[in-house]
């Protein structure tokens, strides 16, 4: 192999490897908030699901009370 022409930039394999390693590290650092956001969304999904369950149970209870009152009140007023 001959000499590199004047003005050429010579990058050794180690320099290339170190650069790629740094790039990967920078990408991981940049994506760290995304990991937190993913955990936050999962937690929010769990909380909303629990709230939906509670609303459903409360609605069923209210329906049962309403049905019972609708049947009982006319019988008590006779």
PDB file of N, CA and C in Angstrom:
ATOM      1  N   UNK A   1       0.838  -1.164   0.000  1.00  0.00           N
ATOM      2  CA  UNK A   1       0.000   0.000   0.000  1.00  0.00           C
ATOM      3  C   UNK A   1       0.889   1.234   0.000  1.00  0.00           C
ATOM      4  N   UNK A   2       0.456   2.214  -0.741  1.00  0.00           N
ATOM      5  CA  UNK A   2       1.277   3.410  -0.852  1.00  0.00           C
ATOM      6  C   UNK A   2       0.907   4.442   0.196  1.00  0.00           C
ATOM      7  N   UNK A   3       1.562   5.550   0.073  1.00  0.00           N
ATOM      8  CA  UNK A   3       1.303   6.679   0.969  1.00  0.00           C
ATOM      9  C   UNK A   3      -0.037   7.313   0.624  1.00  0.00           C
ATOM     10  N   UNK A   4      -0.691   7.877   1.646  1.00  0.00           N
ATOM     11  CA  UNK A   4      -1.951   8.592   1.410  1.00  0.00           C
ATOM     12  C   UNK A   4      -1.627   9.939   0.770  1.00  0.00           C
ATOM     13  N   UNK A   5      -2.428  10.368  -0.167  1.00  0.00           N
ATOM     14  CA  UNK A   5      -2.183  11.663  -0.808  1.00  0.00           C
ATOM     15  C   UNK A   5      -2.252  12.807   0.209  1.00  0.00           C
ATOM     16  N   UNK A   6      -1.590  13.897  -0.080  1.00  0.00           N
ATOM     17  CA  UNK A   6      -1.616  15.063   0.800  1.00  0.00           C
ATOM     18  C   UNK A   6      -3.061  15.508   1.011  1.00  0.00           C
ATOM     19  N   UNK A   7      -3.373  15.895   2.248  1.00  0.00           N
ATOM     20  CA  UNK A   7      -4.719  16.352   2.576  1.00  0.00           C
ATOM     21  C   UNK A   7      -5.667  15.233   2.951  1.00  0.00           C
ATOM     22  N   UNK A   8      -5.249  13.979   2.827  1.00  0.00           N
ATOM     23  CA  UNK A   8      -6.101  12.846   3.183  1.00  0.00           C
ATOM     24  C   UNK A   8      -6.174  12.701   4.694  1.00  0.00           C
ATOM     25  N   UNK A   9      -7.291  12.190   5.141  1.00  0.00           N
ATOM     26  CA  UNK A   9      -7.455  11.888   6.559  1.00  0.00           C
ATOM     27  C   UNK A   9      -7.353  10.378   6.709  1.00  0.00           C
ATOM     28  N   UNK A  10      -6.464   9.961   7.585  1.00  0.00           N
ATOM     29  CA  UNK A  10      -6.265   8.527   7.816  1.00  0.00           C
ATOM     30  C   UNK A  10      -6.877   8.180   9.162  1.00  0.00           C
ATOM     31  N   UNK A  11      -7.809   7.233   9.148  1.00  0.00           N
ATOM     32  CA  UNK A  11      -8.462   6.781  10.373  1.00  0.00           C
ATOM     33  C   UNK A  11      -8.077   5.334  10.610  1.00  0.00           C
ATOM     34  N   UNK A  12      -7.548   5.087  11.775  1.00  0.00           N
ATOM     35  CA  UNK A  12      -7.155   3.722  12.112  1.00  0.00           C
ATOM     36  C   UNK A  12      -8.394   2.934  12.515  1.00  0.00           C
ATOM     37  N   UNK A  13      -8.319   1.607  12.440  1.00  0.00           N
ATOM     38  CA  UNK A  13      -9.456   0.791  12.894  1.00  0.00           C
ATOM     39  C   UNK A  13      -9.843   1.096  14.342  1.00  0.00           C
ATOM     40  N   UNK A  14      -8.875   1.344  15.207  1.00  0.00           N
ATOM     41  CA  UNK A  14      -9.175   1.650  16.611  1.00  0.00           C
ATOM     42  C   UNK A  14      -9.939   2.967  16.714  1.00  0.00           C
ATOM     43  N   UNK A  15      -9.540   3.967  15.959  1.00  0.00           N
ATOM     44  CA  UNK A  15     -10.246   5.242  15.975  1.00  0.00           C
ATOM     45  C   UNK A  15     -11.686   5.064  15.474  1.00  0.00           C
ATOM     46  N   UNK A  16     -11.834   4.259  14.444  1.00  0.00           N
ATOM     47  CA  UNK A  16     -13.168   3.992  13.907  1.00  0.00           C
ATOM     48  C   UNK A  16     -14.026   3.287  14.958  1.00  0.00           C
ATOM     49  N   UNK A  17     -13.455   2.264  15.601  1.00  0.00           N
ATOM     50  CA  UNK A  17     -14.167   1.507  16.630  1.00  0.00           C
ATOM     51  C   UNK A  17     -14.549   2.421  17.792  1.00  0.00           C
ATOM     52  N   UNK A  18     -13.602   3.252  18.233  1.00  0.00           N
ATOM     53  CA  UNK A  18     -13.891   4.173  19.338  1.00  0.00           C
ATOM     54  C   UNK A  18     -15.007   5.151  18.955  1.00  0.00           C
ATOM     55  N   UNK A  19     -15.008   5.598  17.716  1.00  0.00           N
ATOM     56  CA  UNK A  19     -16.055   6.508  17.251  1.00  0.00           C
ATOM     57  C   UNK A  19     -17.412   5.839  17.239  1.00  0.00           C
ATOM     58  N   UNK A  20     -17.464   4.605  16.767  1.00  0.00           N
ATOM     59  CA  UNK A  20     -18.735   3.858  16.750  1.00  0.00           C
ATOM     60  C   UNK A  20     -19.211   3.624  18.175  1.00  0.00           C
ATOM     61  N   UNK A  21     -18.285   3.268  19.061  1.00  0.00           N
ATOM     62  CA  UNK A  21     -18.644   3.049  20.468  1.00  0.00           C
ATOM     63  C   UNK A  21     -19.224   4.315  21.096  1.00  0.00           C
ATOM     64  N   UNK A  22     -18.620   5.438  20.790  1.00  0.00           N
ATOM     65  CA  UNK A  22     -19.107   6.711  21.318  1.00  0.00           C
ATOM     66  C   UNK A  22     -20.494   7.033  20.752  1.00  0.00           C
ATOM     67  N   UNK A  23     -20.683   6.754  19.460  1.00  0.00           N
ATOM     68  CA  UNK A  23     -21.990   6.992  18.839  1.00  0.00           C
ATOM     69  C   UNK A  23     -23.066   6.144  19.509  1.00  0.00           C
ATOM     70  N   UNK A  24     -22.775   4.886  19.762  1.00  0.00           N
ATOM     71  CA  UNK A  24     -23.734   3.989  20.421  1.00  0.00           C
ATOM     72  C   UNK A  24     -24.042   4.502  21.826  1.00  0.00           C
ATOM     73  N   UNK A  25     -23.023   4.944  22.529  1.00  0.00           N
ATOM     74  CA  UNK A  25     -23.217   5.491  23.871  1.00  0.00           C
ATOM     75  C   UNK A  25     -24.091   6.738  23.821  1.00  0.00           C
ATOM     76  N   UNK A  26     -23.852   7.600  22.840  1.00  0.00           N
ATOM     77  CA  UNK A  26     -24.657   8.819  22.691  1.00  0.00           C
ATOM     78  C   UNK A  26     -26.116   8.481  22.384  1.00  0.00           C
ATOM     79  N   UNK A  27     -26.338   7.474  21.558  1.00  0.00           N
ATOM     80  CA  UNK A  27     -27.703   7.056  21.221  1.00  0.00           C
ATOM     81  C   UNK A  27     -28.413   6.516  22.452  1.00  0.00           C
ATOM     82  N   UNK A  28     -27.723   5.698  23.237  1.00  0.00           N
ATOM     83  CA  UNK A  28     -28.331   5.158  24.458  1.00  0.00           C
ATOM     84  C   UNK A  28     -28.685   6.276  25.430  1.00  0.00           C
ATOM     85  N   UNK A  29     -27.814   7.256  25.548  1.00  0.00           N
ATOM     86  CA  UNK A  29     -28.079   8.394  26.423  1.00  0.00           C
ATOM     87  C   UNK A  29     -29.281   9.184  25.923  1.00  0.00           C
ATOM     88  N   UNK A  30     -29.366   9.374  24.614  1.00  0.00           N
ATOM     89  CA  UNK A  30     -30.492  10.125  24.033  1.00  0.00           C
ATOM     90  C   UNK A  30     -31.805   9.378  24.195  1.00  0.00           C
ATOM     91  N   UNK A  31     -31.774   8.039  24.209  1.00  0.00           N
ATOM     92  CA  UNK A  31     -33.000   7.246  24.308  1.00  0.00           C
ATOM     93  C   UNK A  31     -33.428   6.970  25.747  1.00  0.00           C
ATOM     94  N   UNK A  32     -32.605   7.334  26.717  1.00  0.00           N
ATOM     95  CA  UNK A  32     -32.937   7.082  28.120  1.00  0.00           C
ATOM     96  C   UNK A  32     -34.285   7.697  28.508  1.00  0.00           C
ATOM     97  N   UNK A  33     -34.582   8.940  28.110  1.00  0.00           N
ATOM     98  CA  UNK A  33     -35.909   9.485  28.450  1.00  0.00           C
ATOM     99  C   UNK A  33     -37.045   8.684  27.819  1.00  0.00           C
ATOM    100  N   UNK A  34     -36.818   8.090  26.670  1.00  0.00           N
ATOM    101  CA  UNK A  34     -37.842   7.271  26.032  1.00  0.00           C
ATOM    102  C   UNK A  34     -38.159   6.049  26.877  1.00  0.00           C
ATOM    103  N   UNK A  35     -37.142   5.461  27.510  1.00  0.00           N
ATOM    104  CA  UNK A  35     -37.377   4.328  28.406  1.00  0.00           C
ATOM    105  C   UNK A  35     -38.273   4.746  29.567  1.00  0.00           C
ATOM    106  N   UNK A  36     -38.009   5.923  30.140  1.00  0.00           N
ATOM    107  CA  UNK A  36     -38.823   6.425  31.247  1.00  0.00           C
ATOM    108  C   UNK A  36     -40.243   6.688  30.773  1.00  0.00           C
ATOM    109  N   UNK A  37     -40.380   7.251  29.588  1.00  0.00           N
ATOM    110  CA  UNK A  37     -41.703   7.517  29.026  1.00  0.00           C
ATOM    111  C   UNK A  37     -42.470   6.210  28.824  1.00  0.00           C
ATOM    112  N   UNK A  38     -41.795   5.175  28.366  1.00  0.00           N
ATOM    113  CA  UNK A  38     -42.427   3.863  28.175  1.00  0.00           C
ATOM    114  C   UNK A  38     -42.934   3.324  29.511  1.00  0.00           C
ATOM    115  N   UNK A  39     -42.125   3.459  30.563  1.00  0.00           N
ATOM    116  CA  UNK A  39     -42.556   3.001  31.895  1.00  0.00           C
ATOM    117  C   UNK A  39     -43.736   3.834  32.392  1.00  0.00           C
ATOM    118  N   UNK A  40     -43.687   5.152  32.141  1.00  0.00           N
ATOM    119  CA  UNK A  40     -44.782   6.022  32.573  1.00  0.00           C
ATOM    120  C   UNK A  40     -46.082   5.664  31.869  1.00  0.00           C
ATOM    121  N   UNK A  41     -46.020   5.376  30.583  1.00  0.00           N
ATOM    122  CA  UNK A  41     -47.220   5.002  29.823  1.00  0.00           C
ATOM    123  C   UNK A  41     -47.774   3.677  30.337  1.00  0.00           C
ATOM    124  N   UNK A  42     -46.902   2.731  30.629  1.00  0.00           N
ATOM    125  CA  UNK A  42     -47.359   1.439  31.166  1.00  0.00           C
ATOM    126  C   UNK A  42     -48.039   1.633  32.516  1.00  0.00           C
ATOM    127  N   UNK A  43     -47.470   2.497  33.362  1.00  0.00           N
ATOM    128  CA  UNK A  43     -48.068   2.775  34.666  1.00  0.00           C
ATOM    129  C   UNK A  43     -49.411   3.469  34.495  1.00  0.00           C
ATOM    130  N   UNK A  44     -49.488   4.414  33.571  1.00  0.00           N
ATOM    131  CA  UNK A  44     -50.748   5.109  33.308  1.00  0.00           C
ATOM    132  C   UNK A  44     -51.811   4.137  32.792  1.00  0.00           C
ATOM    133  N   UNK A  45     -51.399   3.231  31.917  1.00  0.00           N
ATOM    134  CA  UNK A  45     -52.341   2.227  31.390  1.00  0.00           C
ATOM    135  C   UNK A  45     -52.895   1.361  32.520  1.00  0.00           C
ATOM    136  N   UNK A  46     -52.032   0.968  33.450  1.00  0.00           N
ATOM    137  CA  UNK A  46     -52.454   0.146  34.587  1.00  0.00           C
ATOM    138  C   UNK A  46     -53.436   0.926  35.463  1.00  0.00           C
ATOM    139  N   UNK A  47     -53.138   2.198  35.715  1.00  0.00           N
ATOM    140  CA  UNK A  47     -54.001   3.015  36.564  1.00  0.00           C
ATOM    141  C   UNK A  47     -55.354   3.270  35.914  1.00  0.00           C
ATOM    142  N   UNK A  48     -55.375   3.532  34.627  1.00  0.00           N
ATOM    143  CA  UNK A  48     -56.640   3.763  33.921  1.00  0.00           C
ATOM    144  C   UNK A  48     -57.482   2.495  33.920  1.00  0.00           C
ATOM    145  N   UNK A  49     -56.840   1.365  33.734  1.00  0.00           N
ATOM    146  CA  UNK A  49     -57.563   0.091  33.751  1.00  0.00           C
ATOM    147  C   UNK A  49     -58.192  -0.147  35.121  1.00  0.00           C
ATOM    148  N   UNK A  50     -57.456   0.152  36.186  1.00  0.00           N
ATOM    149  CA  UNK A  50     -58.002  -0.011  37.539  1.00  0.00           C
ATOM    150  C   UNK A  50     -59.173   0.944  37.757  1.00  0.00           C
ATOM    151  N   UNK A  51     -59.045   2.169  37.251  1.00  0.00           N
ATOM    152  CA  UNK A  51     -60.135   3.142  37.385  1.00  0.00           C
ATOM    153  C   UNK A  51     -61.362   2.688  36.609  1.00  0.00           C
ATOM    154  N   UNK A  52     -61.162   2.156  35.405  1.00  0.00           N
ATOM    155  CA  UNK A  52     -62.286   1.640  34.622  1.00  0.00           C
ATOM    156  C   UNK A  52     -63.000   0.523  35.368  1.00  0.00           C
ATOM    157  N   UNK A  53     -62.231  -0.343  36.006  1.00  0.00           N
ATOM    158  CA  UNK A  53     -62.829  -1.442  36.766  1.00  0.00           C
ATOM    159  C   UNK A  53     -63.679  -0.900  37.907  1.00  0.00           C
ATOM    160  N   UNK A  54     -63.146   0.102  38.626  1.00  0.00           N
ATOM    161  CA  UNK A  54     -63.902   0.685  39.737  1.00  0.00           C
ATOM    162  C   UNK A  54     -65.184   1.362  39.247  1.00  0.00           C
ATOM    163  N   UNK A  55     -65.107   2.062  38.129  1.00  0.00           N
ATOM    164  CA  UNK A  55     -66.293   2.728  37.572  1.00  0.00           C
ATOM    165  C   UNK A  55     -67.327   1.689  37.171  1.00  0.00           C
ATOM    166  N   UNK A  56     -66.888   0.600  36.586  1.00  0.00           N
ATOM    167  CA  UNK A  56     -67.809  -0.460  36.185  1.00  0.00           C
ATOM    168  C   UNK A  56     -68.511  -1.069  37.392  1.00  0.00           C
ATOM    169  N   UNK A  57     -67.756  -1.335  38.454  1.00  0.00           N
ATOM    170  CA  UNK A  57     -68.337  -1.910  39.668  1.00  0.00           C
ATOM    171  C   UNK A  57     -69.325  -0.925  40.292  1.00  0.00           C
ATOM    172  N   UNK A  58     -68.935   0.352  40.356  1.00  0.00           N
ATOM    173  CA  UNK A  58     -69.823   1.366  40.931  1.00  0.00           C
ATOM    174  C   UNK A  58     -71.089   1.510  40.094  1.00  0.00           C
ATOM    175  N   UNK A  59     -70.965   1.443  38.783  1.00  0.00           N
ATOM    176  CA  UNK A  59     -72.140   1.537  37.904  1.00  0.00           C
ATOM    177  C   UNK A  59     -73.072   0.347  38.123  1.00  0.00           C
ATOM    178  N   UNK A  60     -72.513  -0.822  38.240  1.00  0.00           N
ATOM    179  CA  UNK A  60     -73.323  -2.017  38.499  1.00  0.00           C
ATOM    180  C   UNK A  60     -74.043  -1.931  39.834  1.00  0.00           C
ATOM    181  N   UNK A  61     -73.324  -1.430  40.848  1.00  0.00           N
ATOM    182  CA  UNK A  61     -73.941  -1.272  42.167  1.00  0.00           C
ATOM    183  C   UNK A  61     -75.075  -0.256  42.098  1.00  0.00           C
ATOM    184  N   UNK A  62     -74.847   0.874  41.418  1.00  0.00           N
ATOM    185  CA  UNK A  62     -75.870   1.909  41.295  1.00  0.00           C
ATOM    186  C   UNK A  62     -77.086   1.371  40.529  1.00  0.00           C
ATOM    187  N   UNK A  63     -76.836   0.572  39.511  1.00  0.00           N
ATOM    188  CA  UNK A  63     -77.932  -0.019  38.746  1.00  0.00           C
ATOM    189  C   UNK A  63     -78.755  -0.955  39.636  1.00  0.00           C
ATOM    190  N   UNK A  64     -78.066  -1.772  40.423  1.00  0.00           N
ATOM    191  CA  UNK A  64     -78.770  -2.707  41.310  1.00  0.00           C
ATOM    192  C   UNK A  64     -79.592  -1.947  42.347  1.00  0.00           C
ATOM    193  N   UNK A  65     -79.037  -0.893  42.912  1.00  0.00           N
ATOM    194  CA  UNK A  65     -79.773  -0.092  43.901  1.00  0.00           C
ATOM    195  C   UNK A  65     -80.983   0.562  43.235  1.00  0.00           C
ATOM    196  N   UNK A  66     -80.775   1.087  42.029  1.00  0.00           N
ATOM    197  CA  UNK A  66     -81.881   1.715  41.310  1.00  0.00           C
ATOM    198  C   UNK A  66     -82.987   0.734  40.991  1.00  0.00           C
ATOM    199  N   UNK A  67     -82.621  -0.466  40.572  1.00  0.00           N
ATOM    200  CA  UNK A  67     -83.632  -1.494  40.269  1.00  0.00           C
ATOM    201  C   UNK A  67     -84.386  -1.883  41.533  1.00  0.00           C
ATOM    202  N   UNK A  68     -83.643  -2.055  42.619  1.00  0.00           N
ATOM    203  CA  UNK A  68     -84.289  -2.439  43.877  1.00  0.00           C
ATOM    204  C   UNK A  68     -85.222  -1.335  44.352  1.00  0.00           C
ATOM    205  N   UNK A  69     -84.765  -0.085  44.254  1.00  0.00           N
ATOM    206  CA  UNK A  69     -85.613   1.031  44.677  1.00  0.00           C
ATOM    207  C   UNK A  69     -86.827   1.151  43.768  1.00  0.00           C
ATOM    208  N   UNK A  70     -86.639   0.933  42.477  1.00  0.00           N
ATOM    209  CA  UNK A  70     -87.753   1.008  41.538  1.00  0.00           C
ATOM    210  C   UNK A  70     -88.792  -0.067  41.798  1.00  0.00           C
ATOM    211  N   UNK A  71     -88.394  -1.188  42.292  1.00  0.00           N
ATOM    212  CA  UNK A  71     -89.345  -2.253  42.612  1.00  0.00           C
ATOM    213  C   UNK A  71     -89.948  -2.053  43.997  1.00  0.00           C
ATOM    214  N   UNK A  72     -89.125  -1.636  44.956  1.00  0.00           N
ATOM    215  CA  UNK A  72     -89.544  -1.561  46.361  1.00  0.00           C
ATOM    216  C   UNK A  72     -90.436  -0.360  46.637  1.00  0.00           C
ATOM    217  N   UNK A  73     -90.128   0.796  46.104  1.00  0.00           N
ATOM    218  CA  UNK A  73     -90.881   2.007  46.424  1.00  0.00           C
ATOM    219  C   UNK A  73     -92.353   1.895  46.023  1.00  0.00           C
ATOM    220  N   UNK A  74     -92.677   1.427  44.818  1.00  0.00           N
ATOM    221  CA  UNK A  74     -94.115   1.293  44.495  1.00  0.00           C
ATOM    222  C   UNK A  74     -94.834   0.295  45.404  1.00  0.00           C
ATOM    223  N   UNK A  75     -94.134  -0.737  45.858  1.00  0.00           N
ATOM    224  CA  UNK A  75     -94.775  -1.708  46.745  1.00  0.00           C
ATOM    225  C   UNK A  75     -94.978  -1.129  48.148  1.00  0.00           C
ATOM    226  N   UNK A  76     -94.119  -0.231  48.575  1.00  0.00           N
ATOM    227  CA  UNK A  76     -94.265   0.376  49.894  1.00  0.00           C
ATOM    228  C   UNK A  76     -95.342   1.467  49.904  1.00  0.00           C
ATOM    229  N   UNK A  77     -95.596   2.054  48.753  1.00  0.00           N
ATOM    230  CA  UNK A  77     -96.571   3.149  48.675  1.00  0.00           C
ATOM    231  C   UNK A  77     -98.001   2.647  48.466  1.00  0.00           C
ATOM    232  N   UNK A  78     -98.223   1.385  48.366  1.00  0.00           N
ATOM    233  CA  UNK A  78     -99.577   0.831  48.160  1.00  0.00           C
ATOM    234  C   UNK A  78    -100.390   0.929  49.392  1.00  0.00           C
TER     235      UNK A  78
END
